[in-house]
């Protein structure tokens, strides 16, 4: 990725966002809720502080959802090493990390 022009790195970012939109139902739900919050803000015309608070809150929720979406493939492949043997026979599958 290093040494790539800026427009190409933006393309990678856009591709990641597109994949998250296609694969993650909860991201779509959160973005729908964000749209509804924006609509309520436009209709009620609150003070600027409320715009800032709700924009920050919605942004943090979407960031958390994107981080969760990025972490999910990593966490499902992480298992304990099967080379370690214990004295007792294992009756359950290896635990996930």
PDB file of N, CA and C in Angstrom:
ATOM      1  N   UNK A   1       0.809  -1.179   0.000  1.00  0.00           N
ATOM      2  CA  UNK A   1       0.000   0.000   0.000  1.00  0.00           C
ATOM      3  C   UNK A   1       0.862   1.256   0.000  1.00  0.00           C
ATOM      4  N   UNK A   2       2.034   1.150   0.610  1.00  0.00           N
ATOM      5  CA  UNK A   2       2.907   2.322   0.626  1.00  0.00           C
ATOM      6  C   UNK A   2       3.341   2.669  -0.784  1.00  0.00           C
ATOM      7  N   UNK A   3       3.477   3.937  -1.016  1.00  0.00           N
ATOM      8  CA  UNK A   3       3.932   4.385  -2.321  1.00  0.00           C
ATOM      9  C   UNK A   3       2.824   4.490  -3.354  1.00  0.00           C
ATOM     10  N   UNK A   4       1.602   4.106  -2.988  1.00  0.00           N
ATOM     11  CA  UNK A   4       0.482   4.199  -3.918  1.00  0.00           C
ATOM     12  C   UNK A   4      -0.012   5.643  -3.966  1.00  0.00           C
ATOM     13  N   UNK A   5      -0.470   6.095  -5.110  1.00  0.00           N
ATOM     14  CA  UNK A   5      -1.045   7.447  -5.178  1.00  0.00           C
ATOM     15  C   UNK A   5      -2.315   7.543  -4.316  1.00  0.00           C
ATOM     16  N   UNK A   6      -2.631   8.757  -3.922  1.00  0.00           N
ATOM     17  CA  UNK A   6      -3.745   8.995  -3.013  1.00  0.00           C
ATOM     18  C   UNK A   6      -5.066   8.501  -3.594  1.00  0.00           C
ATOM     19  N   UNK A   7      -5.315   8.725  -4.874  1.00  0.00           N
ATOM     20  CA  UNK A   7      -6.586   8.319  -5.471  1.00  0.00           C
ATOM     21  C   UNK A   7      -6.743   6.801  -5.440  1.00  0.00           C
ATOM     22  N   UNK A   8      -5.633   6.081  -5.535  1.00  0.00           N
ATOM     23  CA  UNK A   8      -5.699   4.622  -5.494  1.00  0.00           C
ATOM     24  C   UNK A   8      -6.004   4.124  -4.076  1.00  0.00           C
ATOM     25  N   UNK A   9      -5.429   4.783  -3.082  1.00  0.00           N
ATOM     26  CA  UNK A   9      -5.730   4.423  -1.695  1.00  0.00           C
ATOM     27  C   UNK A   9      -7.183   4.722  -1.361  1.00  0.00           C
ATOM     28  N   UNK A  10      -7.718   5.810  -1.917  1.00  0.00           N
ATOM     29  CA  UNK A  10      -9.135   6.106  -1.726  1.00  0.00           C
ATOM     30  C   UNK A  10     -10.021   5.032  -2.356  1.00  0.00           C
ATOM     31  N   UNK A  11      -9.560   4.489  -3.462  1.00  0.00           N
ATOM     32  CA  UNK A  11     -10.311   3.420  -4.109  1.00  0.00           C
ATOM     33  C   UNK A  11     -10.359   2.176  -3.226  1.00  0.00           C
ATOM     34  N   UNK A  12      -9.240   1.857  -2.554  1.00  0.00           N
ATOM     35  CA  UNK A  12      -9.230   0.734  -1.614  1.00  0.00           C
ATOM     36  C   UNK A  12     -10.215   0.981  -0.471  1.00  0.00           C
ATOM     37  N   UNK A  13     -10.239   2.195   0.045  1.00  0.00           N
ATOM     38  CA  UNK A  13     -11.154   2.536   1.134  1.00  0.00           C
ATOM     39  C   UNK A  13     -12.605   2.423   0.677  1.00  0.00           C
ATOM     40  N   UNK A  14     -12.890   2.922  -0.511  1.00  0.00           N
ATOM     41  CA  UNK A  14     -14.252   2.842  -1.043  1.00  0.00           C
ATOM     42  C   UNK A  14     -14.669   1.386  -1.246  1.00  0.00           C
ATOM     43  N   UNK A  15     -13.736   0.561  -1.702  1.00  0.00           N
ATOM     44  CA  UNK A  15     -14.024  -0.860  -1.887  1.00  0.00           C
ATOM     45  C   UNK A  15     -14.367  -1.524  -0.545  1.00  0.00           C
ATOM     46  N   UNK A  16     -13.618  -1.166   0.506  1.00  0.00           N
ATOM     47  CA  UNK A  16     -13.896  -1.717   1.826  1.00  0.00           C
ATOM     48  C   UNK A  16     -15.261  -1.297   2.342  1.00  0.00           C
ATOM     49  N   UNK A  17     -15.617  -0.047   2.141  1.00  0.00           N
ATOM     50  CA  UNK A  17     -16.933   0.424   2.563  1.00  0.00           C
ATOM     51  C   UNK A  17     -18.052  -0.259   1.776  1.00  0.00           C
ATOM     52  N   UNK A  18     -17.817  -0.471   0.496  1.00  0.00           N
ATOM     53  CA  UNK A  18     -18.802  -1.160  -0.336  1.00  0.00           C
ATOM     54  C   UNK A  18     -18.999  -2.593   0.140  1.00  0.00           C
ATOM     55  N   UNK A  19     -17.893  -3.273   0.449  1.00  0.00           N
ATOM     56  CA  UNK A  19     -17.991  -4.646   0.943  1.00  0.00           C
ATOM     57  C   UNK A  19     -18.728  -4.696   2.278  1.00  0.00           C
ATOM     58  N   UNK A  20     -18.445  -3.749   3.157  1.00  0.00           N
ATOM     59  CA  UNK A  20     -19.138  -3.706   4.445  1.00  0.00           C
ATOM     60  C   UNK A  20     -20.629  -3.476   4.233  1.00  0.00           C
ATOM     61  N   UNK A  21     -20.992  -2.612   3.311  1.00  0.00           N
ATOM     62  CA  UNK A  21     -22.400  -2.345   3.020  1.00  0.00           C
ATOM     63  C   UNK A  21     -23.086  -3.609   2.518  1.00  0.00           C
ATOM     64  N   UNK A  22     -22.421  -4.359   1.653  1.00  0.00           N
ATOM     65  CA  UNK A  22     -23.021  -5.570   1.078  1.00  0.00           C
ATOM     66  C   UNK A  22     -23.125  -6.708   2.087  1.00  0.00           C
ATOM     67  N   UNK A  23     -22.131  -6.856   2.948  1.00  0.00           N
ATOM     68  CA  UNK A  23     -22.055  -8.034   3.817  1.00  0.00           C
ATOM     69  C   UNK A  23     -22.661  -7.847   5.195  1.00  0.00           C
ATOM     70  N   UNK A  24     -22.705  -6.639   5.694  1.00  0.00           N
ATOM     71  CA  UNK A  24     -23.103  -6.410   7.082  1.00  0.00           C
ATOM     72  C   UNK A  24     -24.490  -5.780   7.188  1.00  0.00           C
ATOM     73  N   UNK A  25     -25.421  -6.599   7.615  1.00  0.00           N
ATOM     74  CA  UNK A  25     -26.791  -6.114   7.775  1.00  0.00           C
ATOM     75  C   UNK A  25     -26.878  -5.060   8.879  1.00  0.00           C
ATOM     76  N   UNK A  26     -26.123  -5.263   9.952  1.00  0.00           N
ATOM     77  CA  UNK A  26     -26.185  -4.311  11.065  1.00  0.00           C
ATOM     78  C   UNK A  26     -25.650  -2.933  10.656  1.00  0.00           C
ATOM     79  N   UNK A  27     -24.677  -2.888   9.750  1.00  0.00           N
ATOM     80  CA  UNK A  27     -24.190  -1.596   9.257  1.00  0.00           C
ATOM     81  C   UNK A  27     -25.297  -0.874   8.502  1.00  0.00           C
ATOM     82  N   UNK A  28     -26.011  -1.601   7.673  1.00  0.00           N
ATOM     83  CA  UNK A  28     -27.123  -0.984   6.943  1.00  0.00           C
ATOM     84  C   UNK A  28     -28.198  -0.474   7.909  1.00  0.00           C
ATOM     85  N   UNK A  29     -28.447  -1.238   8.979  1.00  0.00           N
ATOM     86  CA  UNK A  29     -29.423  -0.818   9.982  1.00  0.00           C
ATOM     87  C   UNK A  29     -28.966   0.463  10.678  1.00  0.00           C
ATOM     88  N   UNK A  30     -27.693   0.515  11.046  1.00  0.00           N
ATOM     89  CA  UNK A  30     -27.177   1.710  11.716  1.00  0.00           C
ATOM     90  C   UNK A  30     -27.199   2.922  10.787  1.00  0.00           C
ATOM     91  N   UNK A  31     -26.914   2.726   9.521  1.00  0.00           N
ATOM     92  CA  UNK A  31     -26.958   3.847   8.583  1.00  0.00           C
ATOM     93  C   UNK A  31     -28.395   4.310   8.346  1.00  0.00           C
ATOM     94  N   UNK A  32     -29.347   3.398   8.381  1.00  0.00           N
ATOM     95  CA  UNK A  32     -30.745   3.793   8.284  1.00  0.00           C
ATOM     96  C   UNK A  32     -31.136   4.623   9.508  1.00  0.00           C
ATOM     97  N   UNK A  33     -30.699   4.188  10.682  1.00  0.00           N
ATOM     98  CA  UNK A  33     -30.979   4.952  11.906  1.00  0.00           C
ATOM     99  C   UNK A  33     -30.311   6.324  11.844  1.00  0.00           C
ATOM    100  N   UNK A  34     -29.110   6.401  11.294  1.00  0.00           N
ATOM    101  CA  UNK A  34     -28.423   7.687  11.155  1.00  0.00           C
ATOM    102  C   UNK A  34     -29.196   8.613  10.220  1.00  0.00           C
ATOM    103  N   UNK A  35     -29.759   8.050   9.169  1.00  0.00           N
ATOM    104  CA  UNK A  35     -30.570   8.848   8.255  1.00  0.00           C
ATOM    105  C   UNK A  35     -31.818   9.383   8.963  1.00  0.00           C
ATOM    106  N   UNK A  36     -32.419   8.551   9.787  1.00  0.00           N
ATOM    107  CA  UNK A  36     -33.598   8.998  10.535  1.00  0.00           C
ATOM    108  C   UNK A  36     -33.227  10.092  11.533  1.00  0.00           C
ATOM    109  N   UNK A  37     -32.071   9.976  12.179  1.00  0.00           N
ATOM    110  CA  UNK A  37     -31.618  11.022  13.098  1.00  0.00           C
ATOM    111  C   UNK A  37     -31.424  12.333  12.339  1.00  0.00           C
ATOM    112  N   UNK A  38     -30.810  12.253  11.167  1.00  0.00           N
ATOM    113  CA  UNK A  38     -30.615  13.456  10.352  1.00  0.00           C
ATOM    114  C   UNK A  38     -31.956  14.075   9.966  1.00  0.00           C
ATOM    115  N   UNK A  39     -32.912  13.247   9.612  1.00  0.00           N
ATOM    116  CA  UNK A  39     -34.233  13.746   9.251  1.00  0.00           C
ATOM    117  C   UNK A  39     -34.900  14.446  10.438  1.00  0.00           C
ATOM    118  N   UNK A  40     -34.806  13.845  11.631  1.00  0.00           N
ATOM    119  CA  UNK A  40     -35.383  14.469  12.828  1.00  0.00           C
ATOM    120  C   UNK A  40     -34.685  15.799  13.113  1.00  0.00           C
ATOM    121  N   UNK A  41     -33.376  15.840  12.960  1.00  0.00           N
ATOM    122  CA  UNK A  41     -32.646  17.090  13.185  1.00  0.00           C
ATOM    123  C   UNK A  41     -33.090  18.176  12.198  1.00  0.00           C
ATOM    124  N   UNK A  42     -33.284  17.786  10.946  1.00  0.00           N
ATOM    125  CA  UNK A  42     -33.717  18.771   9.949  1.00  0.00           C
ATOM    126  C   UNK A  42     -35.123  19.283  10.239  1.00  0.00           C
ATOM    127  N   UNK A  43     -35.989  18.407  10.734  1.00  0.00           N
ATOM    128  CA  UNK A  43     -37.370  18.813  11.005  1.00  0.00           C
ATOM    129  C   UNK A  43     -37.505  19.647  12.267  1.00  0.00           C
ATOM    130  N   UNK A  44     -36.735  19.327  13.295  1.00  0.00           N
ATOM    131  CA  UNK A  44     -36.886  20.027  14.574  1.00  0.00           C
ATOM    132  C   UNK A  44     -36.005  21.264  14.704  1.00  0.00           C
ATOM    133  N   UNK A  45     -34.962  21.352  13.906  1.00  0.00           N
ATOM    134  CA  UNK A  45     -34.032  22.489  13.921  1.00  0.00           C
ATOM    135  C   UNK A  45     -33.542  22.840  15.330  1.00  0.00           C
ATOM    136  N   UNK A  46     -32.860  21.889  15.979  1.00  0.00           N
ATOM    137  CA  UNK A  46     -32.366  22.163  17.334  1.00  0.00           C
ATOM    138  C   UNK A  46     -31.143  23.074  17.301  1.00  0.00           C
ATOM    139  N   UNK A  47     -30.643  23.392  18.500  1.00  0.00           N
ATOM    140  CA  UNK A  47     -29.438  24.225  18.606  1.00  0.00           C
ATOM    141  C   UNK A  47     -28.231  23.475  18.044  1.00  0.00           C
ATOM    142  N   UNK A  48     -27.213  24.237  17.739  1.00  0.00           N
ATOM    143  CA  UNK A  48     -26.018  23.660  17.111  1.00  0.00           C
ATOM    144  C   UNK A  48     -25.349  22.606  17.981  1.00  0.00           C
ATOM    145  N   UNK A  49     -25.450  22.738  19.283  1.00  0.00           N
ATOM    146  CA  UNK A  49     -24.820  21.759  20.171  1.00  0.00           C
ATOM    147  C   UNK A  49     -25.434  20.379  19.982  1.00  0.00           C
ATOM    148  N   UNK A  50     -26.749  20.319  19.740  1.00  0.00           N
ATOM    149  CA  UNK A  50     -27.407  19.036  19.512  1.00  0.00           C
ATOM    150  C   UNK A  50     -26.977  18.419  18.193  1.00  0.00           C
ATOM    151  N   UNK A  51     -26.772  19.250  17.192  1.00  0.00           N
ATOM    152  CA  UNK A  51     -26.238  18.746  15.933  1.00  0.00           C
ATOM    153  C   UNK A  51     -24.876  18.098  16.164  1.00  0.00           C
ATOM    154  N   UNK A  52     -24.033  18.804  16.919  1.00  0.00           N
ATOM    155  CA  UNK A  52     -22.688  18.292  17.176  1.00  0.00           C
ATOM    156  C   UNK A  52     -22.724  16.999  17.983  1.00  0.00           C
ATOM    157  N   UNK A  53     -23.536  16.966  19.024  1.00  0.00           N
ATOM    158  CA  UNK A  53     -23.604  15.772  19.878  1.00  0.00           C
ATOM    159  C   UNK A  53     -24.119  14.569  19.096  1.00  0.00           C
ATOM    160  N   UNK A  54     -25.209  14.755  18.364  1.00  0.00           N
ATOM    161  CA  UNK A  54     -25.780  13.629  17.625  1.00  0.00           C
ATOM    162  C   UNK A  54     -24.912  13.202  16.451  1.00  0.00           C
ATOM    163  N   UNK A  55     -24.247  14.140  15.803  1.00  0.00           N
ATOM    164  CA  UNK A  55     -23.332  13.778  14.719  1.00  0.00           C
ATOM    165  C   UNK A  55     -22.154  12.976  15.256  1.00  0.00           C
ATOM    166  N   UNK A  56     -21.615  13.396  16.375  1.00  0.00           N
ATOM    167  CA  UNK A  56     -20.513  12.664  16.992  1.00  0.00           C
ATOM    168  C   UNK A  56     -20.959  11.269  17.433  1.00  0.00           C
ATOM    169  N   UNK A  57     -22.134  11.177  18.024  1.00  0.00           N
ATOM    170  CA  UNK A  57     -22.652   9.889  18.471  1.00  0.00           C
ATOM    171  C   UNK A  57     -22.874   8.934  17.302  1.00  0.00           C
ATOM    172  N   UNK A  58     -23.524   9.416  16.268  1.00  0.00           N
ATOM    173  CA  UNK A  58     -23.773   8.579  15.089  1.00  0.00           C
ATOM    174  C   UNK A  58     -22.451   8.165  14.448  1.00  0.00           C
ATOM    175  N   UNK A  59     -21.511   9.089  14.351  1.00  0.00           N
ATOM    176  CA  UNK A  59     -20.212   8.765  13.781  1.00  0.00           C
ATOM    177  C   UNK A  59     -19.481   7.699  14.566  1.00  0.00           C
ATOM    178  N   UNK A  60     -19.519   7.780  15.890  1.00  0.00           N
ATOM    179  CA  UNK A  60     -18.859   6.767  16.719  1.00  0.00           C
ATOM    180  C   UNK A  60     -19.528   5.398  16.573  1.00  0.00           C
ATOM    181  N   UNK A  61     -20.831   5.371  16.457  1.00  0.00           N
ATOM    182  CA  UNK A  61     -21.534   4.096  16.269  1.00  0.00           C
ATOM    183  C   UNK A  61     -21.150   3.470  14.932  1.00  0.00           C
ATOM    184  N   UNK A  62     -21.107   4.259  13.880  1.00  0.00           N
ATOM    185  CA  UNK A  62     -20.746   3.733  12.563  1.00  0.00           C
ATOM    186  C   UNK A  62     -19.286   3.267  12.554  1.00  0.00           C
ATOM    187  N   UNK A  63     -18.395   4.018  13.193  1.00  0.00           N
ATOM    188  CA  UNK A  63     -16.992   3.597  13.281  1.00  0.00           C
ATOM    189  C   UNK A  63     -16.881   2.287  14.042  1.00  0.00           C
ATOM    190  N   UNK A  64     -17.597   2.168  15.153  1.00  0.00           N
ATOM    191  CA  UNK A  64     -17.563   0.921  15.926  1.00  0.00           C
ATOM    192  C   UNK A  64     -18.078  -0.249  15.099  1.00  0.00           C
ATOM    193  N   UNK A  65     -19.109  -0.018  14.318  1.00  0.00           N
ATOM    194  CA  UNK A  65     -19.647  -1.077  13.470  1.00  0.00           C
ATOM    195  C   UNK A  65     -18.651  -1.480  12.385  1.00  0.00           C
ATOM    196  N   UNK A  66     -17.973  -0.512  11.797  1.00  0.00           N
ATOM    197  CA  UNK A  66     -16.970  -0.838  10.781  1.00  0.00           C
ATOM    198  C   UNK A  66     -15.793  -1.593  11.386  1.00  0.00           C
ATOM    199  N   UNK A  67     -15.367  -1.205  12.580  1.00  0.00           N
ATOM    200  CA  UNK A  67     -14.292  -1.941  13.247  1.00  0.00           C
ATOM    201  C   UNK A  67     -14.736  -3.357  13.585  1.00  0.00           C
ATOM    202  N   UNK A  68     -15.967  -3.510  14.019  1.00  0.00           N
ATOM    203  CA  UNK A  68     -16.501  -4.835  14.299  1.00  0.00           C
ATOM    204  C   UNK A  68     -16.529  -5.678  13.025  1.00  0.00           C
ATOM    205  N   UNK A  69     -16.924  -5.083  11.921  1.00  0.00           N
ATOM    206  CA  UNK A  69     -16.968  -5.801  10.649  1.00  0.00           C
ATOM    207  C   UNK A  69     -15.574  -6.202  10.189  1.00  0.00           C
ATOM    208  N   UNK A  70     -14.599  -5.344  10.439  1.00  0.00           N
ATOM    209  CA  UNK A  70     -13.225  -5.661  10.040  1.00  0.00           C
ATOM    210  C   UNK A  70     -12.622  -6.721  10.946  1.00  0.00           C
ATOM    211  N   UNK A  71     -13.004  -6.732  12.222  1.00  0.00           N
ATOM    212  CA  UNK A  71     -12.435  -7.672  13.178  1.00  0.00           C
ATOM    213  C   UNK A  71     -13.032  -9.070  13.027  1.00  0.00           C
ATOM    214  N   UNK A  72     -14.268  -9.176  12.561  1.00  0.00           N
ATOM    215  CA  UNK A  72     -14.969 -10.450  12.503  1.00  0.00           C
ATOM    216  C   UNK A  72     -14.204 -11.529  11.727  1.00  0.00           C
ATOM    217  N   UNK A  73     -13.672 -11.270  10.530  1.00  0.00           N
ATOM    218  CA  UNK A  73     -12.938 -12.333   9.833  1.00  0.00           C
ATOM    219  C   UNK A  73     -11.684 -12.774  10.586  1.00  0.00           C
ATOM    220  N   UNK A  74     -11.052 -11.862  11.296  1.00  0.00           N
ATOM    221  CA  UNK A  74      -9.846 -12.220  12.049  1.00  0.00           C
ATOM    222  C   UNK A  74     -10.194 -13.083  13.249  1.00  0.00           C
ATOM    223  N   UNK A  75     -11.273 -12.762  13.920  1.00  0.00           N
ATOM    224  CA  UNK A  75     -11.596 -13.470  15.156  1.00  0.00           C
ATOM    225  C   UNK A  75     -12.138 -14.863  14.898  1.00  0.00           C
ATOM    226  N   UNK A  76     -12.718 -15.123  13.735  1.00  0.00           N
ATOM    227  CA  UNK A  76     -13.279 -16.442  13.477  1.00  0.00           C
ATOM    228  C   UNK A  76     -12.216 -17.450  13.069  1.00  0.00           C
ATOM    229  N   UNK A  77     -11.044 -16.995  12.663  1.00  0.00           N
ATOM    230  CA  UNK A  77      -9.995 -17.926  12.258  1.00  0.00           C
ATOM    231  C   UNK A  77      -8.987 -18.183  13.365  1.00  0.00           C
ATOM    232  N   UNK A  78      -9.090 -17.472  14.464  1.00  0.00           N
ATOM    233  CA  UNK A  78      -8.130 -17.598  15.550  1.00  0.00           C
ATOM    234  C   UNK A  78      -8.569 -18.707  16.498  1.00  0.00           C
ATOM    235  N   UNK A  79      -7.861 -19.817  16.516  1.00  0.00           N
ATOM    236  CA  UNK A  79      -8.158 -20.911  17.436  1.00  0.00           C
ATOM    237  C   UNK A  79      -6.889 -21.317  18.149  1.00  0.00           C
ATOM    238  N   UNK A  80      -7.055 -22.067  19.220  1.00  0.00           N
ATOM    239  CA  UNK A  80      -5.883 -22.567  19.932  1.00  0.00           C
ATOM    240  C   UNK A  80      -5.124 -23.550  19.066  1.00  0.00           C
ATOM    241  N   UNK A  81      -3.844 -23.648  19.321  1.00  0.00           N
ATOM    242  CA  UNK A  81      -3.017 -24.581  18.578  1.00  0.00           C
ATOM    243  C   UNK A  81      -3.425 -26.014  18.926  1.00  0.00           C
ATOM    244  N   UNK A  82      -3.561 -26.842  17.926  1.00  0.00           N
ATOM    245  CA  UNK A  82      -3.966 -28.230  18.162  1.00  0.00           C
ATOM    246  C   UNK A  82      -2.772 -29.112  18.481  1.00  0.00           C
ATOM    247  N   UNK A  83      -1.558 -28.574  18.498  1.00  0.00           N
ATOM    248  CA  UNK A  83      -0.386 -29.392  18.778  1.00  0.00           C
ATOM    249  C   UNK A  83      -0.198 -29.631  20.264  1.00  0.00           C
ATOM    250  N   UNK A  84      -0.769 -28.792  21.123  1.00  0.00           N
ATOM    251  CA  UNK A  84      -0.676 -28.980  22.569  1.00  0.00           C
ATOM    252  C   UNK A  84      -1.635 -30.057  23.027  1.00  0.00           C
ATOM    253  N   UNK A  85      -1.127 -31.047  23.713  1.00  0.00           N
ATOM    254  CA  UNK A  85      -1.973 -32.122  24.226  1.00  0.00           C
ATOM    255  C   UNK A  85      -2.085 -31.998  25.737  1.00  0.00           C
ATOM    256  N   UNK A  86      -3.264 -32.227  26.256  1.00  0.00           N
ATOM    257  CA  UNK A  86      -3.436 -32.201  27.704  1.00  0.00           C
ATOM    258  C   UNK A  86      -3.531 -33.632  28.215  1.00  0.00           C
ATOM    259  N   UNK A  87      -3.442 -33.773  29.527  1.00  0.00           N
ATOM    260  CA  UNK A  87      -3.517 -35.102  30.129  1.00  0.00           C
ATOM    261  C   UNK A  87      -4.923 -35.677  30.013  1.00  0.00           C
ATOM    262  N   UNK A  88      -5.927 -34.825  30.002  1.00  0.00           N
ATOM    263  CA  UNK A  88      -7.302 -35.283  29.918  1.00  0.00           C
ATOM    264  C   UNK A  88      -7.762 -35.236  28.468  1.00  0.00           C
ATOM    265  N   UNK A  89      -8.549 -36.204  28.056  1.00  0.00           N
ATOM    266  CA  UNK A  89      -9.055 -36.142  26.668  1.00  0.00           C
ATOM    267  C   UNK A  89     -10.018 -34.978  26.510  1.00  0.00           C
ATOM    268  N   UNK A  90      -9.927 -34.368  25.410  1.00  0.00           N
ATOM    269  CA  UNK A  90     -10.775 -33.213  25.127  1.00  0.00           C
ATOM    270  C   UNK A  90     -12.090 -33.710  24.545  1.00  0.00           C
ATOM    271  N   UNK A  91     -13.196 -33.306  25.144  1.00  0.00           N
ATOM    272  CA  UNK A  91     -14.501 -33.747  24.666  1.00  0.00           C
ATOM    273  C   UNK A  91     -15.195 -32.678  23.835  1.00  0.00           C
ATOM    274  N   UNK A  92     -14.696 -31.469  23.889  1.00  0.00           N
ATOM    275  CA  UNK A  92     -15.316 -30.382  23.131  1.00  0.00           C
ATOM    276  C   UNK A  92     -14.322 -29.846  22.113  1.00  0.00           C
ATOM    277  N   UNK A  93     -14.809 -29.180  21.083  1.00  0.00           N
ATOM    278  CA  UNK A  93     -13.894 -28.610  20.092  1.00  0.00           C
ATOM    279  C   UNK A  93     -13.038 -27.507  20.718  1.00  0.00           C
ATOM    280  N   UNK A  94     -11.913 -27.173  20.098  1.00  0.00           N
ATOM    281  CA  UNK A  94     -11.045 -26.112  20.646  1.00  0.00           C
ATOM    282  C   UNK A  94     -11.803 -24.796  20.763  1.00  0.00           C
ATOM    283  N   UNK A  95     -11.500 -24.057  21.815  1.00  0.00           N
ATOM    284  CA  UNK A  95     -12.138 -22.765  22.031  1.00  0.00           C
ATOM    285  C   UNK A  95     -11.609 -21.735  21.053  1.00  0.00           C
ATOM    286  N   UNK A  96     -12.447 -20.778  20.727  1.00  0.00           N
ATOM    287  CA  UNK A  96     -12.037 -19.664  19.867  1.00  0.00           C
ATOM    288  C   UNK A  96     -11.343 -18.613  20.711  1.00  0.00           C
ATOM    289  N   UNK A  97     -10.443 -17.839  20.077  1.00  0.00           N
ATOM    290  CA  UNK A  97      -9.754 -16.761  20.788  1.00  0.00           C
ATOM    291  C   UNK A  97     -10.666 -15.600  21.018  1.00  0.00           C
TER     292      UNK A  97
END
